[in-house]
Amino acid sequence: MPGAAAFLARVRALGGRIAIVTNRLAIECPDTAAVLRKHGLPFDTVLCRPEGAGSGSDKNPRFEALAAGQTDASRTPIEVTAFVGDNIHDFPAGSQALRAQGETAYTQFGVRYFIVPNSMYGSWQ
């Protein structure tokens, strides 16, 4: 995506850390990290979906581990200041049910949650 490398570089320059939370399987994490490096996209960790029974695609446990400092990015709690995603599930506790909650449910969008376009897939309606 145009501007992604510059955005991530700016986050780093300002002292931020970058965690990529993806639903790619853990076995695919090394290849995912290699592709990010190949394209010059800085990151501190890639958190992939655990393999095995019951692992599911819910990203919330990985968001929580990051905030608690339980990842290879940090062993101390991290305040997550921005979430960037192309799918409602890329945001903490995000689901299509948000639509039924009214206007106040969207207060974090544009402040802490940032949507990027993806013409290939997504669960935005």
Protein backbone atom coordinates (compact mmCIF):
# COMPACT_ATOMS: atom_id res chain seq x y z
CA MET A 1 0.00 0.00 0.00
CA PRO A 2 1.44 3.38 -0.92
CA GLY A 3 2.72 5.23 2.12
CA ALA A 4 2.95 2.17 4.38
CA ALA A 5 6.74 2.12 4.56
CA ALA A 6 6.94 5.85 5.28
CA PHE A 7 4.21 5.58 7.94
CA LEU A 8 5.94 2.68 9.69
CA ALA A 9 9.31 4.43 9.50
CA ARG A 10 7.77 7.52 11.11
CA VAL A 11 6.26 5.43 13.91
CA ARG A 12 9.74 4.03 14.58
CA ALA A 13 11.37 7.47 14.37
CA LEU A 14 8.96 8.72 17.03
CA GLY A 15 9.94 5.82 19.31
CA GLY A 16 6.95 3.60 18.61
CA ARG A 17 7.00 -0.13 18.19
CA ILE A 18 5.19 -1.99 15.44
CA ALA A 19 3.32 -5.25 15.90
CA ILE A 20 1.74 -7.00 12.94
CA VAL A 21 -1.19 -9.11 14.13
CA THR A 22 -2.30 -11.46 11.38
CA ASN A 23 -4.43 -14.54 10.98
CA ARG A 24 -1.75 -16.30 9.01
CA LEU A 25 -0.80 -19.51 10.76
CA ALA A 26 2.22 -19.61 13.04
CA ILE A 27 4.00 -21.87 10.56
CA GLU A 28 3.74 -19.01 8.03
CA CYS A 29 5.17 -16.35 10.37
CA PRO A 30 8.80 -16.61 9.24
CA ASP A 31 7.79 -16.22 5.59
CA THR A 32 5.49 -13.32 6.45
CA ALA A 33 8.32 -11.55 8.30
CA ALA A 34 10.66 -12.18 5.35
CA VAL A 35 8.20 -10.57 2.92
CA LEU A 36 7.81 -7.53 5.20
CA ARG A 37 11.61 -7.15 5.40
CA LYS A 38 11.98 -7.62 1.64
CA HIS A 39 9.62 -4.70 1.06
CA GLY A 40 11.35 -2.49 3.63
CA LEU A 41 8.44 -2.50 6.09
CA PRO A 42 9.79 -2.11 9.62
CA PHE A 43 8.23 -4.11 12.46
CA ASP A 44 9.11 -5.39 15.91
CA THR A 45 7.03 -8.53 15.95
CA VAL A 46 4.61 -10.54 13.86
CA LEU A 47 1.90 -12.24 15.89
CA CYS A 48 0.35 -15.06 13.90
CA ARG A 49 -2.61 -17.30 14.64
CA PRO A 50 -1.61 -20.22 16.84
CA GLU A 51 -1.94 -23.65 15.32
CA GLY A 52 -3.86 -26.48 16.84
CA ALA A 53 -7.31 -27.25 18.11
CA GLY A 54 -9.28 -24.28 19.32
CA SER A 55 -6.81 -21.67 18.08
CA GLY A 56 -9.44 -19.80 16.03
CA SER A 57 -8.98 -16.51 14.25
CA ASP A 58 -9.83 -14.24 17.20
CA LYS A 59 -7.07 -11.63 17.41
CA ASN A 60 -8.08 -10.38 20.86
CA PRO A 61 -5.81 -12.80 22.78
CA ARG A 62 -2.87 -11.54 20.70
CA PHE A 63 -3.87 -7.90 21.28
CA GLU A 64 -4.03 -8.66 25.02
CA ALA A 65 -0.65 -10.43 25.02
CA LEU A 66 0.92 -7.43 23.32
CA ALA A 67 -0.58 -4.98 25.82
CA ALA A 68 0.53 -7.21 28.71
CA GLY A 69 4.12 -7.47 27.46
CA GLN A 70 3.90 -11.17 26.70
CA THR A 71 5.40 -11.18 23.20
CA ASP A 72 8.85 -11.15 21.67
CA ALA A 73 8.36 -7.41 21.02
CA SER A 74 8.41 -6.65 24.74
CA ARG A 75 8.32 -8.34 28.11
CA THR A 76 6.86 -5.21 29.68
CA PRO A 77 3.34 -3.90 29.08
CA ILE A 78 2.89 -1.86 25.92
CA GLU A 79 0.30 0.87 25.54
CA VAL A 80 -1.18 0.33 22.11
CA THR A 81 -1.98 3.79 20.77
CA ALA A 82 -3.19 2.91 17.28
CA PHE A 83 -4.73 -0.02 15.47
CA VAL A 84 -4.65 -0.03 11.67
CA GLY A 85 -6.66 -2.60 9.77
CA ASP A 86 -8.78 -3.45 6.78
CA ASN A 87 -11.31 -5.59 8.64
CA ILE A 88 -13.57 -4.96 11.64
CA HIS A 89 -11.85 -7.87 13.40
CA ASP A 90 -8.55 -5.94 13.28
CA PHE A 91 -9.81 -3.81 16.17
CA PRO A 92 -10.23 -4.95 19.79
CA ALA A 93 -13.60 -6.65 20.33
CA GLY A 94 -14.56 -5.61 16.81
CA SER A 95 -17.47 -7.34 15.12
CA GLN A 96 -20.37 -6.60 12.81
CA ALA A 97 -22.49 -6.20 15.96
CA LEU A 98 -20.91 -2.76 16.30
CA ARG A 99 -23.40 -1.46 13.75
CA ALA A 100 -26.31 -2.03 16.14
CA GLN A 101 -24.67 -0.02 18.93
CA GLY A 102 -25.23 3.40 17.40
CA GLU A 103 -23.00 6.35 16.65
CA THR A 104 -21.12 6.28 19.97
CA ALA A 105 -19.66 2.87 19.11
CA TYR A 106 -17.50 4.56 16.47
CA THR A 107 -15.76 7.16 18.65
CA GLN A 108 -12.35 5.43 18.43
CA PHE A 109 -12.36 5.36 14.61
CA GLY A 110 -10.11 8.10 13.27
CA VAL A 111 -8.65 8.59 16.75
CA ARG A 112 -7.19 5.22 17.77
CA TYR A 113 -8.60 2.92 15.08
CA PHE A 114 -7.71 3.57 11.46
CA ILE A 115 -9.25 1.81 8.49
CA VAL A 116 -7.26 1.11 5.33
CA PRO A 117 -8.92 0.01 2.09
CA ASN A 118 -8.76 -3.55 0.85
CA SER A 119 -10.61 -4.35 -2.33
CA MET A 120 -9.84 -8.07 -2.05
CA TYR A 121 -11.84 -9.05 1.05
CA GLY A 122 -13.19 -7.81 4.36
CA SER A 123 -16.21 -7.84 6.58
CA TRP A 124 -17.24 -4.20 6.31
CA GLN A 125 -20.88 -3.56 5.52
